[in-house]
C-alpha cells in the first residue's frame, strides 16, 4: 500500500507560506539573541529555542530590553548581510562602531 500525505494545502510539500517564512526568520532572531533565557514559557527554556505561537510579539517584548551595543551589533550584521561585507572589521566600520 502507498503512503498518504496529510497536508491541507494545495502547495507542494516543501514550499512554505510567506507568513510561516516570516515567523521562521523571527524565531531565528529570537534564538540568536537567546531570548529563551528570559522567556516565561518553560518549553522555550527547556529546548533552548523560541517555541511560542507569536515569535514577533516575543521579539518585540525582549528587544526593548536589549542593551544598545547588542542592537548596534544586530544592525551591523544586517547591513553586512545586505551589502555582502565579509569581515567583522568592515561591518563595524560601516556603522561606526569600535571593535
PDB file of N, CA and C in Angstrom:
ATOM      1  N   UNK A   1       0.821  -1.180   0.000  1.00  0.00           N
ATOM      2  CA  UNK A   1       0.000   0.000   0.000  1.00  0.00           C
ATOM      3  C   UNK A   1       0.869   1.248   0.000  1.00  0.00           C
ATOM      4  N   UNK A   2       0.409   2.327  -0.612  1.00  0.00           N
ATOM      5  CA  UNK A   2       1.178   3.567  -0.723  1.00  0.00           C
ATOM      6  C   UNK A   2       1.118   4.408   0.546  1.00  0.00           C
ATOM      7  N   UNK A   3       1.908   5.457   0.551  1.00  0.00           N
ATOM      8  CA  UNK A   3       1.897   6.389   1.689  1.00  0.00           C
ATOM      9  C   UNK A   3       0.927   7.513   1.398  1.00  0.00           C
ATOM     10  N   UNK A   4       0.434   8.116   2.445  1.00  0.00           N
ATOM     11  CA  UNK A   4      -0.520   9.198   2.311  1.00  0.00           C
ATOM     12  C   UNK A   4       0.102  10.495   2.825  1.00  0.00           C
ATOM     13  N   UNK A   5      -0.233  11.591   2.193  1.00  0.00           N
ATOM     14  CA  UNK A   5       0.226  12.908   2.635  1.00  0.00           C
ATOM     15  C   UNK A   5      -0.948  13.615   3.294  1.00  0.00           C
ATOM     16  N   UNK A   6      -0.750  14.118   4.485  1.00  0.00           N
ATOM     17  CA  UNK A   6      -1.820  14.781   5.218  1.00  0.00           C
ATOM     18  C   UNK A   6      -1.649  16.290   5.229  1.00  0.00           C
ATOM     19  N   UNK A   7      -1.318  16.867   4.085  1.00  0.00           N
ATOM     20  CA  UNK A   7      -1.215  18.325   4.007  1.00  0.00           C
ATOM     21  C   UNK A   7      -2.585  18.887   3.646  1.00  0.00           C
ATOM     22  N   UNK A   8      -2.885  20.050   4.193  1.00  0.00           N
ATOM     23  CA  UNK A   8      -4.180  20.674   3.958  1.00  0.00           C
ATOM     24  C   UNK A   8      -4.053  21.851   3.013  1.00  0.00           C
ATOM     25  N   UNK A   9      -3.036  21.865   2.202  1.00  0.00           N
ATOM     26  CA  UNK A   9      -2.786  22.964   1.293  1.00  0.00           C
ATOM     27  C   UNK A   9      -2.570  22.412  -0.106  1.00  0.00           C
ATOM     28  N   UNK A  10      -2.759  23.241  -1.084  1.00  0.00           N
ATOM     29  CA  UNK A  10      -2.502  22.844  -2.456  1.00  0.00           C
ATOM     30  C   UNK A  10      -1.050  23.070  -2.845  1.00  0.00           C
ATOM     31  N   UNK A  11      -0.245  23.615  -1.938  1.00  0.00           N
ATOM     32  CA  UNK A  11       1.166  23.881  -2.213  1.00  0.00           C
ATOM     33  C   UNK A  11       1.953  22.571  -2.227  1.00  0.00           C
ATOM     34  N   UNK A  12       3.033  22.549  -2.993  1.00  0.00           N
ATOM     35  CA  UNK A  12       3.933  21.389  -2.894  1.00  0.00           C
ATOM     36  C   UNK A  12       4.466  21.272  -1.469  1.00  0.00           C
ATOM     37  N   UNK A  13       4.824  20.093  -1.068  1.00  0.00           N
ATOM     38  CA  UNK A  13       5.150  19.813   0.326  1.00  0.00           C
ATOM     39  C   UNK A  13       6.272  20.676   0.881  1.00  0.00           C
ATOM     40  N   UNK A  14       7.352  20.926   0.129  1.00  0.00           N
ATOM     41  CA  UNK A  14       8.496  21.659   0.651  1.00  0.00           C
ATOM     42  C   UNK A  14       8.338  23.166   0.657  1.00  0.00           C
ATOM     43  N   UNK A  15       7.268  23.698   0.116  1.00  0.00           N
ATOM     44  CA  UNK A  15       7.108  25.143  -0.011  1.00  0.00           C
ATOM     45  C   UNK A  15       6.381  25.714   1.202  1.00  0.00           C
ATOM     46  N   UNK A  16       6.927  26.787   1.763  1.00  0.00           N
ATOM     47  CA  UNK A  16       6.311  27.422   2.927  1.00  0.00           C
ATOM     48  C   UNK A  16       5.466  28.605   2.514  1.00  0.00           C
ATOM     49  N   UNK A  17       4.525  28.953   3.347  1.00  0.00           N
ATOM     50  CA  UNK A  17       3.741  30.149   3.089  1.00  0.00           C
ATOM     51  C   UNK A  17       4.566  31.358   3.524  1.00  0.00           C
ATOM     52  N   UNK A  18       4.318  32.531   2.956  1.00  0.00           N
ATOM     53  CA  UNK A  18       5.098  33.710   3.333  1.00  0.00           C
ATOM     54  C   UNK A  18       5.030  34.019   4.835  1.00  0.00           C
ATOM     55  N   UNK A  19       3.880  33.842   5.459  1.00  0.00           N
ATOM     56  CA  UNK A  19       3.740  34.099   6.893  1.00  0.00           C
ATOM     57  C   UNK A  19       4.602  33.166   7.723  1.00  0.00           C
ATOM     58  N   UNK A  20       4.651  31.912   7.334  1.00  0.00           N
ATOM     59  CA  UNK A  20       5.481  30.941   8.061  1.00  0.00           C
ATOM     60  C   UNK A  20       6.958  31.248   7.879  1.00  0.00           C
ATOM     61  N   UNK A  21       7.328  31.732   6.708  1.00  0.00           N
ATOM     62  CA  UNK A  21       8.728  32.092   6.473  1.00  0.00           C
ATOM     63  C   UNK A  21       9.123  33.276   7.351  1.00  0.00           C
ATOM     64  N   UNK A  22       8.219  34.261   7.492  1.00  0.00           N
ATOM     65  CA  UNK A  22       8.492  35.406   8.375  1.00  0.00           C
ATOM     66  C   UNK A  22       8.604  34.942   9.821  1.00  0.00           C
ATOM     67  N   UNK A  23       7.718  34.043  10.229  1.00  0.00           N
ATOM     68  CA  UNK A  23       7.783  33.501  11.593  1.00  0.00           C
ATOM     69  C   UNK A  23       9.103  32.767  11.819  1.00  0.00           C
ATOM     70  N   UNK A  24       9.530  32.028  10.826  1.00  0.00           N
ATOM     71  CA  UNK A  24      10.771  31.280  10.944  1.00  0.00           C
ATOM     72  C   UNK A  24      11.963  32.225  11.104  1.00  0.00           C
ATOM     73  N   UNK A  25      11.981  33.297  10.308  1.00  0.00           N
ATOM     74  CA  UNK A  25      13.066  34.287  10.432  1.00  0.00           C
ATOM     75  C   UNK A  25      13.048  34.956  11.791  1.00  0.00           C
ATOM     76  N   UNK A  26      11.873  35.278  12.299  1.00  0.00           N
ATOM     77  CA  UNK A  26      11.781  35.946  13.595  1.00  0.00           C
ATOM     78  C   UNK A  26      12.180  35.001  14.718  1.00  0.00           C
ATOM     79  N   UNK A  27      11.818  33.724  14.613  1.00  0.00           N
ATOM     80  CA  UNK A  27      12.265  32.737  15.604  1.00  0.00           C
ATOM     81  C   UNK A  27      13.788  32.634  15.607  1.00  0.00           C
ATOM     82  N   UNK A  28      14.377  32.655  14.408  1.00  0.00           N
ATOM     83  CA  UNK A  28      15.838  32.617  14.312  1.00  0.00           C
ATOM     84  C   UNK A  28      16.446  33.819  15.032  1.00  0.00           C
ATOM     85  N   UNK A  29      15.861  34.991  14.851  1.00  0.00           N
ATOM     86  CA  UNK A  29      16.370  36.188  15.525  1.00  0.00           C
ATOM     87  C   UNK A  29      16.209  36.064  17.038  1.00  0.00           C
ATOM     88  N   UNK A  30      15.090  35.546  17.480  1.00  0.00           N
ATOM     89  CA  UNK A  30      14.883  35.341  18.919  1.00  0.00           C
ATOM     90  C   UNK A  30      15.924  34.369  19.475  1.00  0.00           C
ATOM     91  N   UNK A  31      16.206  33.313  18.726  1.00  0.00           N
ATOM     92  CA  UNK A  31      17.193  32.328  19.161  1.00  0.00           C
ATOM     93  C   UNK A  31      18.602  32.910  19.133  1.00  0.00           C
ATOM     94  N   UNK A  32      18.880  33.756  18.149  1.00  0.00           N
ATOM     95  CA  UNK A  32      20.194  34.381  18.034  1.00  0.00           C
ATOM     96  C   UNK A  32      20.517  35.216  19.276  1.00  0.00           C
ATOM     97  N   UNK A  33      19.530  35.933  19.774  1.00  0.00           N
ATOM     98  CA  UNK A  33      19.707  36.755  20.976  1.00  0.00           C
ATOM     99  C   UNK A  33      19.443  35.978  22.269  1.00  0.00           C
ATOM    100  N   UNK A  34      19.100  34.705  22.121  1.00  0.00           N
ATOM    101  CA  UNK A  34      18.827  33.831  23.264  1.00  0.00           C
ATOM    102  C   UNK A  34      17.735  34.394  24.177  1.00  0.00           C
ATOM    103  N   UNK A  35      16.662  34.864  23.571  1.00  0.00           N
ATOM    104  CA  UNK A  35      15.527  35.380  24.340  1.00  0.00           C
ATOM    105  C   UNK A  35      14.865  34.278  25.153  1.00  0.00           C
ATOM    106  N   UNK A  36      15.091  33.031  24.789  1.00  0.00           N
ATOM    107  CA  UNK A  36      14.501  31.919  25.541  1.00  0.00           C
ATOM    108  C   UNK A  36      14.982  31.909  26.983  1.00  0.00           C
ATOM    109  N   UNK A  37      16.112  32.535  27.262  1.00  0.00           N
ATOM    110  CA  UNK A  37      16.618  32.574  28.643  1.00  0.00           C
ATOM    111  C   UNK A  37      15.699  33.381  29.569  1.00  0.00           C
ATOM    112  N   UNK A  38      15.056  34.423  29.037  1.00  0.00           N
ATOM    113  CA  UNK A  38      14.150  35.238  29.838  1.00  0.00           C
ATOM    114  C   UNK A  38      12.676  34.908  29.600  1.00  0.00           C
ATOM    115  N   UNK A  39      12.410  33.965  28.731  1.00  0.00           N
ATOM    116  CA  UNK A  39      11.028  33.650  28.370  1.00  0.00           C
ATOM    117  C   UNK A  39      10.311  32.968  29.537  1.00  0.00           C
ATOM    118  N   UNK A  40       9.076  33.376  29.809  1.00  0.00           N
ATOM    119  CA  UNK A  40       8.310  32.721  30.873  1.00  0.00           C
ATOM    120  C   UNK A  40       7.811  31.323  30.490  1.00  0.00           C
ATOM    121  N   UNK A  41       7.858  30.984  29.205  1.00  0.00           N
ATOM    122  CA  UNK A  41       7.416  29.652  28.761  1.00  0.00           C
ATOM    123  C   UNK A  41       8.489  28.622  29.093  1.00  0.00           C
ATOM    124  N   UNK A  42       8.122  27.615  29.850  1.00  0.00           N
ATOM    125  CA  UNK A  42       9.095  26.595  30.238  1.00  0.00           C
ATOM    126  C   UNK A  42       9.561  25.777  29.033  1.00  0.00           C
ATOM    127  N   UNK A  43       8.718  25.614  28.029  1.00  0.00           N
ATOM    128  CA  UNK A  43       9.124  24.854  26.850  1.00  0.00           C
ATOM    129  C   UNK A  43      10.264  25.552  26.120  1.00  0.00           C
ATOM    130  N   UNK A  44      10.199  26.870  25.994  1.00  0.00           N
ATOM    131  CA  UNK A  44      11.281  27.615  25.342  1.00  0.00           C
ATOM    132  C   UNK A  44      12.586  27.433  26.112  1.00  0.00           C
ATOM    133  N   UNK A  45      12.499  27.490  27.440  1.00  0.00           N
ATOM    134  CA  UNK A  45      13.700  27.322  28.262  1.00  0.00           C
ATOM    135  C   UNK A  45      14.238  25.901  28.157  1.00  0.00           C
ATOM    136  N   UNK A  46      13.351  24.936  28.085  1.00  0.00           N
ATOM    137  CA  UNK A  46      13.766  23.537  28.044  1.00  0.00           C
ATOM    138  C   UNK A  46      14.474  23.190  26.732  1.00  0.00           C
ATOM    139  N   UNK A  47      13.951  23.680  25.603  1.00  0.00           N
ATOM    140  CA  UNK A  47      14.553  23.333  24.314  1.00  0.00           C
ATOM    141  C   UNK A  47      15.570  24.368  23.844  1.00  0.00           C
ATOM    142  N   UNK A  48      15.765  25.414  24.631  1.00  0.00           N
ATOM    143  CA  UNK A  48      16.728  26.480  24.310  1.00  0.00           C
ATOM    144  C   UNK A  48      16.448  27.097  22.953  1.00  0.00           C
ATOM    145  N   UNK A  49      15.183  27.387  22.688  1.00  0.00           N
ATOM    146  CA  UNK A  49      14.772  27.989  21.426  1.00  0.00           C
ATOM    147  C   UNK A  49      13.369  28.580  21.587  1.00  0.00           C
ATOM    148  N   UNK A  50      13.037  29.507  20.718  1.00  0.00           N
ATOM    149  CA  UNK A  50      11.702  30.111  20.723  1.00  0.00           C
ATOM    150  C   UNK A  50      10.694  29.084  20.215  1.00  0.00           C
ATOM    151  N   UNK A  51       9.665  28.835  21.006  1.00  0.00           N
ATOM    152  CA  UNK A  51       8.642  27.880  20.586  1.00  0.00           C
ATOM    153  C   UNK A  51       7.237  28.432  20.790  1.00  0.00           C
ATOM    154  N   UNK A  52       7.123  29.728  21.023  1.00  0.00           N
ATOM    155  CA  UNK A  52       5.821  30.335  21.255  1.00  0.00           C
ATOM    156  C   UNK A  52       5.020  30.477  19.972  1.00  0.00           C
ATOM    157  N   UNK A  53       3.760  30.789  20.123  1.00  0.00           N
ATOM    158  CA  UNK A  53       2.885  30.925  18.954  1.00  0.00           C
ATOM    159  C   UNK A  53       3.158  32.195  18.163  1.00  0.00           C
ATOM    160  N   UNK A  54       3.636  33.247  18.842  1.00  0.00           N
ATOM    161  CA  UNK A  54       3.865  34.522  18.160  1.00  0.00           C
ATOM    162  C   UNK A  54       5.295  34.996  18.388  1.00  0.00           C
ATOM    163  N   UNK A  55       6.235  34.581  17.538  1.00  0.00           N
ATOM    164  CA  UNK A  55       7.622  35.000  17.723  1.00  0.00           C
ATOM    165  C   UNK A  55       7.817  36.501  17.536  1.00  0.00           C
ATOM    166  N   UNK A  56       6.909  37.159  16.799  1.00  0.00           N
ATOM    167  CA  UNK A  56       7.026  38.604  16.591  1.00  0.00           C
ATOM    168  C   UNK A  56       6.764  39.363  17.893  1.00  0.00           C
ATOM    169  N   UNK A  57       5.767  38.931  18.643  1.00  0.00           N
ATOM    170  CA  UNK A  57       5.471  39.563  19.934  1.00  0.00           C
ATOM    171  C   UNK A  57       6.602  39.307  20.924  1.00  0.00           C
ATOM    172  N   UNK A  58       7.132  38.108  20.902  1.00  0.00           N
ATOM    173  CA  UNK A  58       8.253  37.763  21.777  1.00  0.00           C
ATOM    174  C   UNK A  58       9.458  38.646  21.464  1.00  0.00           C
ATOM    175  N   UNK A  59       9.766  38.794  20.179  1.00  0.00           N
ATOM    176  CA  UNK A  59      10.907  39.613  19.784  1.00  0.00           C
ATOM    177  C   UNK A  59      10.701  41.065  20.199  1.00  0.00           C
ATOM    178  N   UNK A  60       9.511  41.595  19.950  1.00  0.00           N
ATOM    179  CA  UNK A  60       9.232  42.990  20.307  1.00  0.00           C
ATOM    180  C   UNK A  60       9.358  43.209  21.810  1.00  0.00           C
ATOM    181  N   UNK A  61       8.876  42.264  22.599  1.00  0.00           N
ATOM    182  CA  UNK A  61       8.930  42.380  24.054  1.00  0.00           C
ATOM    183  C   UNK A  61      10.378  42.370  24.557  1.00  0.00           C
ATOM    184  N   UNK A  62      11.157  41.421  24.086  1.00  0.00           N
ATOM    185  CA  UNK A  62      12.522  41.270  24.589  1.00  0.00           C
ATOM    186  C   UNK A  62      13.499  42.254  23.953  1.00  0.00           C
ATOM    187  N   UNK A  63      13.228  42.668  22.721  1.00  0.00           N
ATOM    188  CA  UNK A  63      14.127  43.582  22.029  1.00  0.00           C
ATOM    189  C   UNK A  63      14.187  44.929  22.729  1.00  0.00           C
ATOM    190  N   UNK A  64      13.107  45.323  23.357  1.00  0.00           N
ATOM    191  CA  UNK A  64      13.087  46.600  24.072  1.00  0.00           C
ATOM    192  C   UNK A  64      14.080  46.608  25.232  1.00  0.00           C
ATOM    193  N   UNK A  65      14.369  45.449  25.798  1.00  0.00           N
ATOM    194  CA  UNK A  65      15.275  45.357  26.940  1.00  0.00           C
ATOM    195  C   UNK A  65      16.732  45.116  26.531  1.00  0.00           C
ATOM    196  N   UNK A  66      16.988  44.964  25.232  1.00  0.00           N
ATOM    197  CA  UNK A  66      18.361  44.723  24.785  1.00  0.00           C
ATOM    198  C   UNK A  66      19.234  45.959  25.005  1.00  0.00           C
ATOM    199  N   UNK A  67      20.477  45.761  25.403  1.00  0.00           N
ATOM    200  CA  UNK A  67      21.400  46.896  25.506  1.00  0.00           C
ATOM    201  C   UNK A  67      21.680  47.478  24.114  1.00  0.00           C
ATOM    202  N   UNK A  68      22.022  48.738  24.066  1.00  0.00           N
ATOM    203  CA  UNK A  68      22.242  49.412  22.786  1.00  0.00           C
ATOM    204  C   UNK A  68      23.362  48.780  21.973  1.00  0.00           C
ATOM    205  N   UNK A  69      24.407  48.284  22.631  1.00  0.00           N
ATOM    206  CA  UNK A  69      25.505  47.688  21.862  1.00  0.00           C
ATOM    207  C   UNK A  69      25.061  46.395  21.167  1.00  0.00           C
ATOM    208  N   UNK A  70      24.131  45.665  21.759  1.00  0.00           N
ATOM    209  CA  UNK A  70      23.588  44.470  21.101  1.00  0.00           C
ATOM    210  C   UNK A  70      22.748  44.867  19.887  1.00  0.00           C
ATOM    211  N   UNK A  71      21.976  45.946  20.031  1.00  0.00           N
ATOM    212  CA  UNK A  71      21.173  46.419  18.906  1.00  0.00           C
ATOM    213  C   UNK A  71      22.083  46.894  17.776  1.00  0.00           C
ATOM    214  N   UNK A  72      23.179  47.582  18.132  1.00  0.00           N
ATOM    215  CA  UNK A  72      24.136  48.036  17.120  1.00  0.00           C
ATOM    216  C   UNK A  72      24.759  46.849  16.395  1.00  0.00           C
ATOM    217  N   UNK A  73      25.104  45.808  17.157  1.00  0.00           N
ATOM    218  CA  UNK A  73      25.674  44.608  16.558  1.00  0.00           C
ATOM    219  C   UNK A  73      24.696  43.996  15.561  1.00  0.00           C
ATOM    220  N   UNK A  74      23.423  43.937  15.930  1.00  0.00           N
ATOM    221  CA  UNK A  74      22.411  43.355  15.040  1.00  0.00           C
ATOM    222  C   UNK A  74      22.263  44.183  13.768  1.00  0.00           C
ATOM    223  N   UNK A  75      22.243  45.508  13.921  1.00  0.00           N
ATOM    224  CA  UNK A  75      22.153  46.366  12.738  1.00  0.00           C
ATOM    225  C   UNK A  75      23.363  46.171  11.831  1.00  0.00           C
ATOM    226  N   UNK A  76      24.546  46.049  12.432  1.00  0.00           N
ATOM    227  CA  UNK A  76      25.759  45.837  11.648  1.00  0.00           C
ATOM    228  C   UNK A  76      25.700  44.505  10.904  1.00  0.00           C
ATOM    229  N   UNK A  77      25.204  43.473  11.548  1.00  0.00           N
ATOM    230  CA  UNK A  77      25.101  42.162  10.913  1.00  0.00           C
ATOM    231  C   UNK A  77      24.120  42.197   9.747  1.00  0.00           C
ATOM    232  N   UNK A  78      23.007  42.877   9.934  1.00  0.00           N
ATOM    233  CA  UNK A  78      22.016  43.000   8.857  1.00  0.00           C
ATOM    234  C   UNK A  78      22.594  43.787   7.694  1.00  0.00           C
ATOM    235  N   UNK A  79      23.287  44.882   7.999  1.00  0.00           N
ATOM    236  CA  UNK A  79      23.912  45.691   6.962  1.00  0.00           C
ATOM    237  C   UNK A  79      24.966  44.884   6.211  1.00  0.00           C
ATOM    238  N   UNK A  80      25.770  44.126   6.934  1.00  0.00           N
ATOM    239  CA  UNK A  80      26.805  43.311   6.297  1.00  0.00           C
ATOM    240  C   UNK A  80      26.189  42.268   5.376  1.00  0.00           C
ATOM    241  N   UNK A  81      25.132  41.641   5.827  1.00  0.00           N
ATOM    242  CA  UNK A  81      24.468  40.617   5.015  1.00  0.00           C
ATOM    243  C   UNK A  81      23.883  41.225   3.745  1.00  0.00           C
ATOM    244  N   UNK A  82      23.298  42.405   3.874  1.00  0.00           N
ATOM    245  CA  UNK A  82      22.637  43.010   2.719  1.00  0.00           C
ATOM    246  C   UNK A  82      23.633  43.615   1.730  1.00  0.00           C
ATOM    247  N   UNK A  83      24.826  43.994   2.205  1.00  0.00           N
ATOM    248  CA  UNK A  83      25.811  44.593   1.305  1.00  0.00           C
ATOM    249  C   UNK A  83      26.888  43.622   0.873  1.00  0.00           C
ATOM    250  N   UNK A  84      26.905  42.425   1.445  1.00  0.00           N
ATOM    251  CA  UNK A  84      27.901  41.431   1.091  1.00  0.00           C
ATOM    252  C   UNK A  84      29.252  41.663   1.749  1.00  0.00           C
ATOM    253  N   UNK A  85      29.288  42.431   2.831  1.00  0.00           N
ATOM    254  CA  UNK A  85      30.530  42.703   3.548  1.00  0.00           C
ATOM    255  C   UNK A  85      31.006  41.421   4.219  1.00  0.00           C
ATOM    256  N   UNK A  86      32.326  41.190   4.198  1.00  0.00           N
ATOM    257  CA  UNK A  86      32.830  39.892   4.626  1.00  0.00           C
ATOM    258  C   UNK A  86      33.367  39.848   6.052  1.00  0.00           C
ATOM    259  N   UNK A  87      34.025  40.887   6.525  1.00  0.00           N
ATOM    260  CA  UNK A  87      34.713  40.776   7.805  1.00  0.00           C
ATOM    261  C   UNK A  87      34.030  41.591   8.893  1.00  0.00           C
ATOM    262  N   UNK A  88      34.309  41.208  10.124  1.00  0.00           N
ATOM    263  CA  UNK A  88      33.742  41.902  11.272  1.00  0.00           C
ATOM    264  C   UNK A  88      34.216  43.352  11.307  1.00  0.00           C
ATOM    265  N   UNK A  89      35.483  43.576  10.973  1.00  0.00           N
ATOM    266  CA  UNK A  89      36.024  44.935  10.980  1.00  0.00           C
ATOM    267  C   UNK A  89      35.266  45.830  10.006  1.00  0.00           C
ATOM    268  N   UNK A  90      34.992  45.310   8.817  1.00  0.00           N
ATOM    269  CA  UNK A  90      34.255  46.081   7.826  1.00  0.00           C
ATOM    270  C   UNK A  90      32.830  46.362   8.297  1.00  0.00           C
ATOM    271  N   UNK A  91      32.239  45.385   8.939  1.00  0.00           N
ATOM    272  CA  UNK A  91      30.876  45.559   9.450  1.00  0.00           C
ATOM    273  C   UNK A  91      30.840  46.696  10.463  1.00  0.00           C
ATOM    274  N   UNK A  92      31.736  46.646  11.436  1.00  0.00           N
ATOM    275  CA  UNK A  92      31.725  47.651  12.490  1.00  0.00           C
ATOM    276  C   UNK A  92      32.112  49.024  11.961  1.00  0.00           C
ATOM    277  N   UNK A  93      33.054  49.088  11.006  1.00  0.00           N
ATOM    278  CA  UNK A  93      33.403  50.374  10.410  1.00  0.00           C
ATOM    279  C   UNK A  93      32.214  50.967   9.655  1.00  0.00           C
ATOM    280  N   UNK A  94      31.430  50.108   9.001  1.00  0.00           N
ATOM    281  CA  UNK A  94      30.290  50.576   8.213  1.00  0.00           C
ATOM    282  C   UNK A  94      29.245  51.282   9.059  1.00  0.00           C
ATOM    283  N   UNK A  95      29.082  50.862  10.296  1.00  0.00           N
ATOM    284  CA  UNK A  95      28.087  51.504  11.156  1.00  0.00           C
ATOM    285  C   UNK A  95      28.728  52.398  12.214  1.00  0.00           C
ATOM    286  N   UNK A  96      30.053  52.582  12.153  1.00  0.00           N
ATOM    287  CA  UNK A  96      30.731  53.493  13.054  1.00  0.00           C
ATOM    288  C   UNK A  96      30.909  52.973  14.460  1.00  0.00           C
ATOM    289  N   UNK A  97      31.108  51.687  14.619  1.00  0.00           N
ATOM    290  CA  UNK A  97      31.298  51.108  15.948  1.00  0.00           C
ATOM    291  C   UNK A  97      32.766  50.806  16.199  1.00  0.00           C
ATOM    292  N   UNK A  98      33.155  50.822  17.460  1.00  0.00           N
ATOM    293  CA  UNK A  98      34.512  50.451  17.836  1.00  0.00           C
ATOM    294  C   UNK A  98      34.566  48.946  18.057  1.00  0.00           C
ATOM    295  N   UNK A  99      35.724  48.363  17.794  1.00  0.00           N
ATOM    296  CA  UNK A  99      35.879  46.916  17.999  1.00  0.00           C
ATOM    297  C   UNK A  99      36.138  46.587  19.440  1.00  0.00           C
TER     298      UNK A  99
END
